[in-house]
Amino acid sequence: MNVKNIFIAIIVMFSIIGFECKAQDDNAIDYVVAVVGADVIKRSDIENQYLQMRAQGYFSAADMKCEIFEELLFQKLLLNQAKIDSIQVTEKDVEFELRRRLDFFVRQIGSEKEMEEYFNKTMYEIKSDFRGVIRDQLLTQKMQGQITGNVSVSPSEVAAFFGNMPKDSIPLINSQIEAAQIVLYPEVTKEDEQAVKDKLEGYRKRILGGDSFSAFARLYSQDRGSAAKGGELGLTNRNELVSEFSAAAFSLKPGELSEVIKTEFGYHIIQLIERQGELINVRHILMTAKVSPVMLQAAKNKLDSIATLVRIDTLTFEQAALKFSEDNSTKFNQGLIQSTYSGSTKFEEKELDPETKISIRALSIGQITPPFEAKDTKNKGVLKIVKLVRKSEPHKANLTDDYQMIKNKAELLKRTEAIEKWIENKQKSTYIHLDESFSNCNFNSSGWKK
């Protein structure tokens, strides 16, 4: 399964039966084009996937319908074996995935009512149609997980994989850094907390008096993502919201304002725009308590003292991070910052938050920044010091600097080979029949035509 086939697999995996309602409006004659074990593939299955991929801008130099057909054959082979092996998925898992996908499509279409009009079915009927498809897809995912679950590569296999890579295929790696941090949250006094609550309560009263919620959100909300949209979050699932926010939002009627509430992100007032089942659209204004200069200076002094202990070798930076840092995502990992994209401790400088990126730019390897203010992942104000652990120059990948990246590629290849071997074995013991209309397809696996 190369990159192209993986893309096709994703499209197939996330397809839902509802699209069939639209795709068959032309009264085209449908028929079975393949039988795999006790399951069938219809012509419409392939046509639906083809239309979706074209709509998403995917094109191929090869025969796209043949590519889709082979992926569907693989999915049916997985499903057939899952049934033979009595693999089970729970109804809870099915319902969760059903809700997740329906929420996604409601967001895309606009509302549950528009979705019903689009498919010409009630939500109950749509759910009934989707449920079986999703159960089958969860079974195939679980079956594939069993095939590749124990796949791993040894250091010698990684070295052999890299040694066999053509020289012109070795990727160019941009400059990467590793950095460690010690983070403190300056103490917020009760007076600071009360000040921000009073400010939000003042905005709330003015909005109740007729002022625009959206205008206040644009001017004062500290949620950068929604402030520009007047505080609007868009249709959101209950599970995507922190519990305090969710409880307050789902208790409101359209147009109604919440009291000032507190979450881990700060203080909010919320206005419900609309509710559609387990989806809601709200506006909110987020504000965090401003730390007093006295408390800010106290935190800076503490970080200065910690940095001094490290510089005179009383503690290593790693030991100091474990002992003093208040950031649980890094303190137990020697203070090392991880990429939000890959999870690796090696990443490009552009992935850092702006404050940290600026602060480390002039550092040499092993140096520590002075204390500086920044924002954490929840937009809370923090103070921190950062050590530049290492920095690489742009280079072609090698086993010394880029071992984990090469290992990931080697594991992907080994998983692919495991799947291909499994397909080859199961093709021999599974009843497979293909319609002659696809006899000209050049499949990656010749075993489909037997």
Protein backbone atom coordinates (compact mmCIF):
# COMPACT_ATOMS: atom_id res chain seq x y z
CA MET A 1 0.00 0.00 0.00
CA ASN A 2 1.83 3.07 -1.24
CA VAL A 3 0.95 6.68 -0.36
CA LYS A 4 -1.65 6.82 -3.13
CA ASN A 5 -3.38 3.68 -1.88
CA ILE A 6 -3.28 4.93 1.73
CA PHE A 7 -5.16 8.06 0.58
CA ILE A 8 -7.75 5.89 -1.12
CA ALA A 9 -8.06 3.79 2.03
CA ILE A 10 -8.81 6.91 4.08
CA ILE A 11 -11.54 7.97 1.66
CA VAL A 12 -13.07 4.50 1.74
CA MET A 13 -12.81 4.24 5.52
CA PHE A 14 -14.64 7.52 6.12
CA SER A 15 -17.25 7.09 3.43
CA ILE A 16 -20.84 6.66 4.56
CA ILE A 17 -23.77 4.99 2.92
CA GLY A 18 -25.77 8.19 2.78
CA PHE A 19 -23.81 9.45 -0.23
CA GLU A 20 -25.33 6.57 -2.17
CA CYS A 21 -28.68 8.31 -2.02
CA LYS A 22 -27.33 11.20 -4.08
CA ALA A 23 -25.08 9.20 -6.36
CA GLN A 24 -27.89 7.02 -7.65
CA ASP A 25 -30.35 9.74 -8.57
CA ASP A 26 -29.58 9.07 -12.22
CA ASN A 27 -31.39 5.68 -12.04
CA ALA A 28 -28.23 3.92 -13.21
CA ILE A 29 -28.43 0.13 -13.19
CA ASP A 30 -26.62 -1.28 -10.17
CA TYR A 31 -25.18 -4.77 -9.92
CA VAL A 32 -22.72 -6.87 -7.93
CA VAL A 33 -19.15 -6.63 -9.22
CA ALA A 34 -17.41 -8.79 -6.61
CA VAL A 35 -18.08 -11.37 -3.92
CA VAL A 36 -15.57 -11.78 -1.07
CA GLY A 37 -16.57 -14.55 1.32
CA ALA A 38 -20.15 -13.71 2.25
CA ASP A 39 -19.90 -10.01 1.36
CA VAL A 40 -20.48 -8.24 -1.92
CA ILE A 41 -19.25 -5.09 -3.64
CA LYS A 42 -21.68 -3.26 -5.90
CA ARG A 43 -20.95 -1.07 -8.87
CA SER A 44 -22.46 1.87 -6.97
CA ASP A 45 -19.92 1.41 -4.15
CA ILE A 46 -17.11 2.14 -6.59
CA GLU A 47 -18.94 4.96 -8.36
CA ASN A 48 -19.74 6.70 -5.04
CA GLN A 49 -16.10 6.59 -3.93
CA TYR A 50 -14.97 7.83 -7.34
CA LEU A 51 -17.29 10.84 -7.20
CA GLN A 52 -16.16 11.70 -3.66
CA MET A 53 -12.46 11.54 -4.55
CA ARG A 54 -12.94 13.67 -7.64
CA ALA A 55 -14.91 16.20 -5.55
CA GLN A 56 -11.98 16.37 -3.12
CA GLY A 57 -9.55 17.10 -5.94
CA TYR A 58 -7.85 13.69 -6.09
CA PHE A 59 -6.74 12.46 -9.49
CA SER A 60 -4.52 9.58 -10.55
CA ALA A 61 -2.50 8.68 -13.60
CA ALA A 62 -3.73 5.11 -13.14
CA ASP A 63 -7.33 3.87 -13.30
CA MET A 64 -8.93 5.40 -10.20
CA LYS A 65 -11.90 3.06 -10.27
CA CYS A 66 -9.61 0.04 -10.30
CA GLU A 67 -7.65 1.51 -7.38
CA ILE A 68 -10.87 2.03 -5.43
CA PHE A 69 -12.06 -1.46 -6.34
CA GLU A 70 -8.89 -3.07 -4.99
CA GLU A 71 -9.16 -1.14 -1.73
CA LEU A 72 -12.78 -2.25 -1.34
CA LEU A 73 -11.71 -5.85 -1.99
CA PHE A 74 -9.13 -5.52 0.79
CA GLN A 75 -11.73 -4.06 3.19
CA LYS A 76 -14.15 -6.92 2.45
CA LEU A 77 -11.35 -9.46 2.96
CA LEU A 78 -10.64 -7.93 6.36
CA LEU A 79 -14.34 -7.93 7.24
CA ASN A 80 -14.76 -11.55 6.19
CA GLN A 81 -11.84 -12.65 8.38
CA ALA A 82 -13.07 -10.53 11.30
CA LYS A 83 -16.34 -12.45 11.19
CA ILE A 84 -14.53 -15.80 10.98
CA ASP A 85 -12.35 -14.85 13.97
CA SER A 86 -15.44 -13.64 15.91
CA ILE A 87 -13.94 -10.17 16.43
CA GLN A 88 -16.38 -7.92 18.24
CA VAL A 89 -16.92 -4.18 18.58
CA THR A 90 -19.10 -2.74 21.33
CA GLU A 91 -22.34 -0.90 20.68
CA LYS A 92 -20.86 1.97 22.69
CA ASP A 93 -17.98 2.24 20.19
CA VAL A 94 -20.40 2.10 17.25
CA GLU A 95 -22.65 4.81 18.70
CA PHE A 96 -19.70 7.06 19.55
CA GLU A 97 -18.31 6.81 16.01
CA LEU A 98 -21.80 7.24 14.54
CA ARG A 99 -22.30 10.44 16.55
CA ARG A 100 -18.84 11.73 15.62
CA ARG A 101 -19.37 11.26 11.89
CA LEU A 102 -22.90 12.62 11.89
CA ASP A 103 -21.71 15.70 13.78
CA PHE A 104 -19.03 16.20 11.13
CA PHE A 105 -21.51 16.03 8.27
CA VAL A 106 -24.04 18.26 10.04
CA ARG A 107 -21.29 20.88 10.37
CA GLN A 108 -20.46 20.56 6.66
CA ILE A 109 -24.08 20.72 5.50
CA GLY A 110 -25.26 23.33 8.01
CA SER A 111 -27.95 21.73 10.19
CA GLU A 112 -29.74 18.46 10.90
CA LYS A 113 -32.75 19.71 8.92
CA GLU A 114 -30.60 20.43 5.87
CA MET A 115 -28.98 17.02 6.24
CA GLU A 116 -32.41 15.36 6.22
CA GLU A 117 -33.32 17.34 3.10
CA TYR A 118 -30.00 16.44 1.45
CA PHE A 119 -30.51 12.68 1.94
CA ASN A 120 -34.32 12.84 1.78
CA LYS A 121 -34.46 10.84 5.02
CA THR A 122 -35.15 11.47 8.68
CA MET A 123 -32.23 11.54 11.11
CA TYR A 124 -33.51 8.23 12.51
CA GLU A 125 -33.33 6.65 9.03
CA ILE A 126 -29.90 8.15 8.36
CA LYS A 127 -28.58 6.73 11.65
CA SER A 128 -30.03 3.32 10.78
CA ASP A 129 -28.29 3.39 7.40
CA PHE A 130 -24.95 4.48 8.87
CA ARG A 131 -24.87 2.15 11.85
CA GLY A 132 -24.17 -1.08 9.94
CA VAL A 133 -21.54 0.55 7.73
CA ILE A 134 -19.72 1.97 10.74
CA ARG A 135 -19.84 -1.35 12.58
CA ASP A 136 -18.23 -3.07 9.57
CA GLN A 137 -15.56 -0.38 9.30
CA LEU A 138 -14.69 -0.66 13.00
CA LEU A 139 -14.37 -4.44 12.57
CA THR A 140 -12.01 -4.04 9.61
CA GLN A 141 -9.89 -1.52 11.56
CA LYS A 142 -9.68 -3.95 14.47
CA MET A 143 -8.75 -6.82 12.13
CA GLN A 144 -6.03 -4.76 10.48
CA GLY A 145 -4.74 -3.81 13.93
CA GLN A 146 -4.36 -7.49 14.76
CA ILE A 147 -2.33 -8.04 11.60
CA THR A 148 0.12 -5.22 12.27
CA GLY A 149 -0.14 -4.84 16.04
CA ASN A 150 3.04 -6.77 16.83
CA VAL A 151 5.13 -5.29 14.04
CA SER A 152 8.35 -3.68 15.26
CA VAL A 153 11.82 -3.11 13.87
CA SER A 154 15.17 -3.75 15.53
CA PRO A 155 18.10 -1.30 15.30
CA SER A 156 19.77 -3.60 12.78
CA GLU A 157 16.61 -3.58 10.62
CA VAL A 158 16.51 0.21 10.75
CA ALA A 159 20.15 0.34 9.66
CA ALA A 160 19.49 -2.13 6.83
CA PHE A 161 16.43 -0.17 5.69
CA PHE A 162 18.44 3.06 5.57
CA GLY A 163 21.35 1.35 3.83
CA ASN A 164 19.02 0.12 1.08
CA MET A 165 17.50 3.52 0.41
CA PRO A 166 18.55 4.95 -2.97
CA LYS A 167 20.81 7.95 -2.43
CA ASP A 168 18.46 10.27 -4.27
CA SER A 169 15.55 9.14 -2.04
CA ILE A 170 17.19 10.14 1.26
CA PRO A 171 15.13 13.12 2.49
CA LEU A 172 16.59 16.55 3.20
CA ILE A 173 16.01 17.54 6.83
CA ASN A 174 15.62 21.23 7.68
CA SER A 175 17.40 22.69 10.70
CA GLN A 176 15.90 21.22 13.87
CA ILE A 177 16.22 22.04 17.53
CA GLU A 178 15.76 20.34 20.88
CA ALA A 179 14.87 22.62 23.78
CA ALA A 180 13.93 22.09 27.42
CA GLN A 181 11.90 24.39 29.65
CA ILE A 182 11.03 25.14 33.26
CA VAL A 183 7.61 26.74 33.60
CA LEU A 184 6.00 28.61 36.49
CA TYR A 185 2.44 29.89 36.74
CA PRO A 186 2.57 33.22 38.58
CA GLU A 187 0.19 33.20 41.53
CA VAL A 188 -3.11 34.93 40.92
CA THR A 189 -4.57 36.64 44.00
CA LYS A 190 -8.24 36.57 44.96
CA GLU A 191 -8.36 40.26 44.18
CA ASP A 192 -7.07 39.60 40.64
CA GLU A 193 -9.69 36.88 40.16
CA GLN A 194 -12.48 39.12 41.40
CA ALA A 195 -11.40 41.96 39.12
CA VAL A 196 -11.83 39.88 35.97
CA LYS A 197 -15.18 38.47 37.18
CA ASP A 198 -16.42 41.98 37.86
CA LYS A 199 -15.34 43.12 34.41
CA LEU A 200 -17.18 40.23 32.72
CA GLU A 201 -20.25 40.84 34.86
CA GLY A 202 -20.23 44.45 33.66
CA TYR A 203 -20.12 43.31 30.01
CA ARG A 204 -22.93 40.84 30.73
CA LYS A 205 -25.20 43.55 32.11
CA ARG A 206 -24.56 45.80 29.13
CA ILE A 207 -25.33 42.94 26.70
CA LEU A 208 -28.56 42.21 28.60
CA GLY A 209 -29.30 45.91 28.21
CA GLY A 210 -29.07 45.66 24.43
CA ASP A 211 -25.37 46.02 23.56
CA SER A 212 -23.86 43.62 21.01
CA PHE A 213 -22.31 40.42 22.39
CA SER A 214 -20.26 40.03 19.19
CA ALA A 215 -18.80 43.52 19.54
CA PHE A 216 -17.70 42.88 23.12
CA ALA A 217 -16.19 39.53 22.08
CA ARG A 218 -14.19 41.14 19.28
CA LEU A 219 -12.90 43.84 21.59
CA TYR A 220 -12.20 41.96 24.80
CA SER A 221 -12.22 38.15 24.41
CA GLN A 222 -8.83 36.51 24.92
CA ASP A 223 -9.83 33.46 22.86
CA ARG A 224 -7.87 34.40 19.75
CA GLY A 225 -9.58 31.78 17.60
CA SER A 226 -13.15 32.99 18.12
CA ALA A 227 -12.76 36.69 18.98
CA ALA A 228 -12.48 37.74 15.31
CA LYS A 229 -15.79 35.92 14.67
CA GLY A 230 -17.61 37.74 17.42
CA GLY A 231 -16.91 34.93 19.88
CA GLU A 232 -18.76 32.30 17.80
CA LEU A 233 -17.46 28.72 18.08
CA GLY A 234 -19.61 27.10 15.38
CA LEU A 235 -21.49 23.82 15.80
CA THR A 236 -19.70 21.88 18.51
CA ASN A 237 -20.23 18.48 20.12
CA ARG A 238 -20.75 18.29 23.89
CA ASN A 239 -17.63 16.10 24.19
CA GLU A 240 -15.45 18.76 22.57
CA LEU A 241 -16.09 21.21 25.40
CA VAL A 242 -14.70 21.17 28.93
CA SER A 243 -17.31 20.00 31.42
CA GLU A 244 -18.05 23.35 33.12
CA PHE A 245 -18.45 25.13 29.77
CA SER A 246 -20.58 22.30 28.36
CA ALA A 247 -22.90 22.21 31.39
CA ALA A 248 -23.49 25.96 31.24
CA ALA A 249 -23.94 26.10 27.45
CA PHE A 250 -26.38 23.18 27.20
CA SER A 251 -28.55 24.65 29.97
CA LEU A 252 -29.23 27.82 27.96
CA LYS A 253 -32.09 28.68 25.63
CA PRO A 254 -31.36 30.36 22.27
CA GLY A 255 -30.30 33.97 22.86
CA GLU A 256 -29.91 33.45 26.61
CA LEU A 257 -26.75 34.49 28.48
CA SER A 258 -24.95 32.42 31.09
CA GLU A 259 -23.67 33.69 34.39
CA VAL A 260 -19.91 34.23 34.62
CA ILE A 261 -18.39 30.71 34.77
CA LYS A 262 -14.87 29.46 35.44
CA THR A 263 -13.01 26.76 33.48
CA GLU A 264 -9.38 25.72 33.23
CA PHE A 265 -9.03 28.35 30.48
CA GLY A 266 -10.27 31.28 32.55
CA TYR A 267 -13.63 33.04 33.00
CA HIS A 268 -16.42 33.10 30.41
CA ILE A 269 -19.84 34.43 29.61
CA ILE A 270 -21.73 32.38 27.01
CA GLN A 271 -24.63 33.08 24.68
CA LEU A 272 -26.45 30.19 23.00
CA ILE A 273 -27.09 30.74 19.29
CA GLU A 274 -28.73 27.40 18.47
CA ARG A 275 -28.89 23.78 19.57
CA GLN A 276 -29.29 20.72 17.34
CA GLY A 277 -29.45 17.58 19.45
CA GLU A 278 -25.97 17.10 20.89
CA LEU A 279 -24.56 19.95 18.81
CA ILE A 280 -24.61 23.57 19.89
CA ASN A 281 -23.38 26.85 18.50
CA VAL A 282 -22.45 29.50 21.05
CA ARG A 283 -20.67 32.81 21.40
CA HIS A 284 -18.40 33.35 24.34
CA ILE A 285 -16.09 35.92 25.83
CA LEU A 286 -13.02 34.54 27.58
CA MET A 287 -10.93 36.54 30.02
CA THR A 288 -8.13 35.48 32.32
CA ALA A 289 -7.12 37.13 35.56
CA LYS A 290 -4.23 39.55 35.17
CA VAL A 291 -1.29 38.75 37.41
CA SER A 292 -0.16 41.62 39.64
CA PRO A 293 3.36 43.03 39.03
CA VAL A 294 4.38 41.87 42.52
CA MET A 295 3.48 38.22 41.82
CA LEU A 296 5.04 38.41 38.35
CA GLN A 297 8.32 39.65 39.81
CA ALA A 298 8.26 36.94 42.48
CA ALA A 299 8.01 34.26 39.80
CA LYS A 300 10.83 35.87 37.80
CA ASN A 301 13.05 35.94 40.88
CA LYS A 302 12.37 32.25 41.51
CA LEU A 303 13.25 31.34 37.92
CA ASP A 304 16.43 33.42 38.13
CA SER A 305 17.44 31.48 41.25
CA ILE A 306 16.71 28.14 39.53
CA ALA A 307 18.80 29.16 36.50
CA THR A 308 21.68 30.13 38.82
CA LEU A 309 21.57 26.69 40.50
CA VAL A 310 21.85 25.09 37.06
CA ARG A 311 24.67 27.37 35.90
CA ILE A 312 26.81 26.62 38.99
CA ASP A 313 26.14 22.89 38.60
CA THR A 314 24.21 22.49 41.84
CA LEU A 315 21.42 20.92 39.74
CA THR A 316 21.21 19.80 36.15
CA PHE A 317 18.51 21.47 34.07
CA GLU A 318 16.70 18.13 33.92
CA GLN A 319 16.71 17.78 37.71
CA ALA A 320 15.54 21.36 38.13
CA ALA A 321 12.69 20.81 35.67
CA LEU A 322 11.51 17.76 37.61
CA LYS A 323 11.75 19.59 40.94
CA PHE A 324 10.41 23.04 40.09
CA SER A 325 8.53 23.10 36.76
CA GLU A 326 4.74 23.38 36.95
CA ASP A 327 4.23 22.15 33.37
CA ASN A 328 3.30 18.46 33.68
CA SER A 329 3.67 17.87 29.95
CA THR A 330 7.46 18.47 30.09
CA LYS A 331 8.70 18.22 33.70
CA PHE A 332 8.69 14.40 33.68
CA ASN A 333 10.51 14.32 30.33
CA GLN A 334 13.69 16.19 31.36
CA GLY A 335 11.87 19.42 30.52
CA LEU A 336 12.02 18.62 26.78
CA ILE A 337 9.44 20.40 24.63
CA GLN A 338 7.57 18.14 22.20
CA SER A 339 6.28 19.02 18.76
CA THR A 340 2.50 19.48 18.72
CA TYR A 341 2.51 17.92 15.24
CA SER A 342 4.73 14.84 15.51
CA GLY A 343 5.20 14.38 19.26
CA SER A 344 8.96 14.34 18.70
CA THR A 345 11.39 16.37 20.80
CA LYS A 346 13.13 17.35 17.55
CA PHE A 347 11.30 19.92 15.49
CA GLU A 348 11.72 23.04 13.40
CA GLU A 349 11.93 26.38 15.19
CA LYS A 350 8.74 27.60 13.49
CA GLU A 351 6.72 25.12 15.57
CA LEU A 352 7.48 27.01 18.78
CA ASP A 353 5.20 29.67 20.21
CA PRO A 354 6.29 33.21 19.18
CA GLU A 355 7.66 34.21 22.59
CA THR A 356 9.84 31.10 22.94
CA LYS A 357 11.03 31.29 19.34
CA ILE A 358 12.24 34.86 19.82
CA SER A 359 13.83 34.14 23.21
CA ILE A 360 16.02 31.22 22.09
CA ARG A 361 17.11 32.67 18.74
CA ALA A 362 20.40 34.09 20.04
CA LEU A 363 21.28 31.12 22.30
CA SER A 364 24.27 28.83 21.83
CA ILE A 365 23.97 25.12 22.64
CA GLY A 366 23.65 24.65 26.41
CA GLN A 367 22.70 28.26 27.17
CA ILE A 368 19.59 29.26 29.14
CA THR A 369 17.30 32.20 28.46
CA PRO A 370 16.46 34.83 31.09
CA PRO A 371 12.89 34.44 32.45
CA PHE A 372 10.26 35.57 29.93
CA GLU A 373 6.49 35.68 29.67
CA ALA A 374 4.63 33.36 27.30
CA LYS A 375 1.29 31.56 26.83
CA ASP A 376 0.66 27.88 27.47
CA THR A 377 -1.50 25.63 25.25
CA LYS A 378 -4.62 26.88 27.07
CA ASN A 379 -3.67 30.53 26.50
CA LYS A 380 -2.75 31.01 30.16
CA GLY A 381 0.08 33.36 31.01
CA VAL A 382 3.27 31.65 32.21
CA LEU A 383 6.86 32.52 33.00
CA LYS A 384 9.63 30.24 31.85
CA ILE A 385 13.27 29.71 31.15
CA VAL A 386 14.40 27.62 28.19
CA LYS A 387 17.63 25.77 27.50
CA LEU A 388 18.78 25.10 23.94
CA VAL A 389 19.80 21.43 24.10
CA ARG A 390 20.93 20.97 20.50
CA LYS A 391 20.47 22.40 17.05
CA SER A 392 21.17 20.74 13.72
CA GLU A 393 22.06 22.29 10.39
CA PRO A 394 20.06 21.43 7.26
CA HIS A 395 21.26 18.01 6.13
CA LYS A 396 20.43 14.78 4.41
CA ALA A 397 18.87 12.30 6.84
CA ASN A 398 21.31 10.08 8.71
CA LEU A 399 21.06 7.40 11.38
CA THR A 400 22.77 9.49 14.05
CA ASP A 401 20.58 12.60 13.94
CA ASP A 402 17.36 11.24 12.45
CA TYR A 403 17.05 7.71 13.80
CA GLN A 404 13.43 8.01 14.96
CA MET A 405 12.23 9.36 11.63
CA ILE A 406 14.01 6.56 9.74
CA LYS A 407 12.68 3.98 12.21
CA ASN A 408 9.11 5.21 11.60
CA LYS A 409 9.56 4.77 7.86
CA ALA A 410 11.03 1.29 8.35
CA GLU A 411 8.08 0.28 10.56
CA LEU A 412 5.61 1.59 7.98
CA LEU A 413 7.28 -0.54 5.30
CA LYS A 414 7.24 -3.61 7.55
CA ARG A 415 3.54 -3.12 8.37
CA THR A 416 2.81 -2.76 4.66
CA GLU A 417 4.69 -5.99 3.94
CA ALA A 418 2.81 -7.77 6.74
CA ILE A 419 -0.51 -6.69 5.24
CA GLU A 420 0.53 -7.73 1.73
CA LYS A 421 1.59 -11.16 2.98
CA TRP A 422 -1.69 -11.54 4.88
CA ILE A 423 -3.68 -10.60 1.75
CA GLU A 424 -1.75 -13.14 -0.30
CA ASN A 425 -2.48 -15.92 2.21
CA LYS A 426 -6.17 -15.09 2.69
CA GLN A 427 -6.81 -14.79 -1.04
CA LYS A 428 -5.95 -18.50 -1.35
CA SER A 429 -8.44 -19.62 1.32
CA THR A 430 -11.31 -17.16 0.72
CA TYR A 431 -14.00 -17.39 -1.93
CA ILE A 432 -13.46 -14.42 -4.27
CA HIS A 433 -15.36 -13.77 -7.50
CA LEU A 434 -14.91 -10.70 -9.71
CA ASP A 435 -17.27 -9.55 -12.46
CA GLU A 436 -15.77 -9.45 -15.94
CA SER A 437 -16.43 -5.69 -16.18
CA PHE A 438 -13.27 -5.16 -14.09
CA SER A 439 -11.14 -7.83 -15.74
CA ASN A 440 -8.80 -5.22 -17.25
CA CYS A 441 -7.74 -3.80 -13.87
CA ASN A 442 -4.03 -4.07 -13.10
CA PHE A 443 -4.20 -4.76 -9.37
CA ASN A 444 -1.19 -4.49 -7.06
CA SER A 445 -1.99 -8.00 -5.90
CA SER A 446 -2.48 -10.56 -8.64
CA GLY A 447 -4.35 -12.89 -6.23
CA TRP A 448 -7.66 -11.10 -6.71
CA LYS A 449 -7.96 -12.69 -10.15
CA LYS A 450 -8.02 -16.41 -9.55
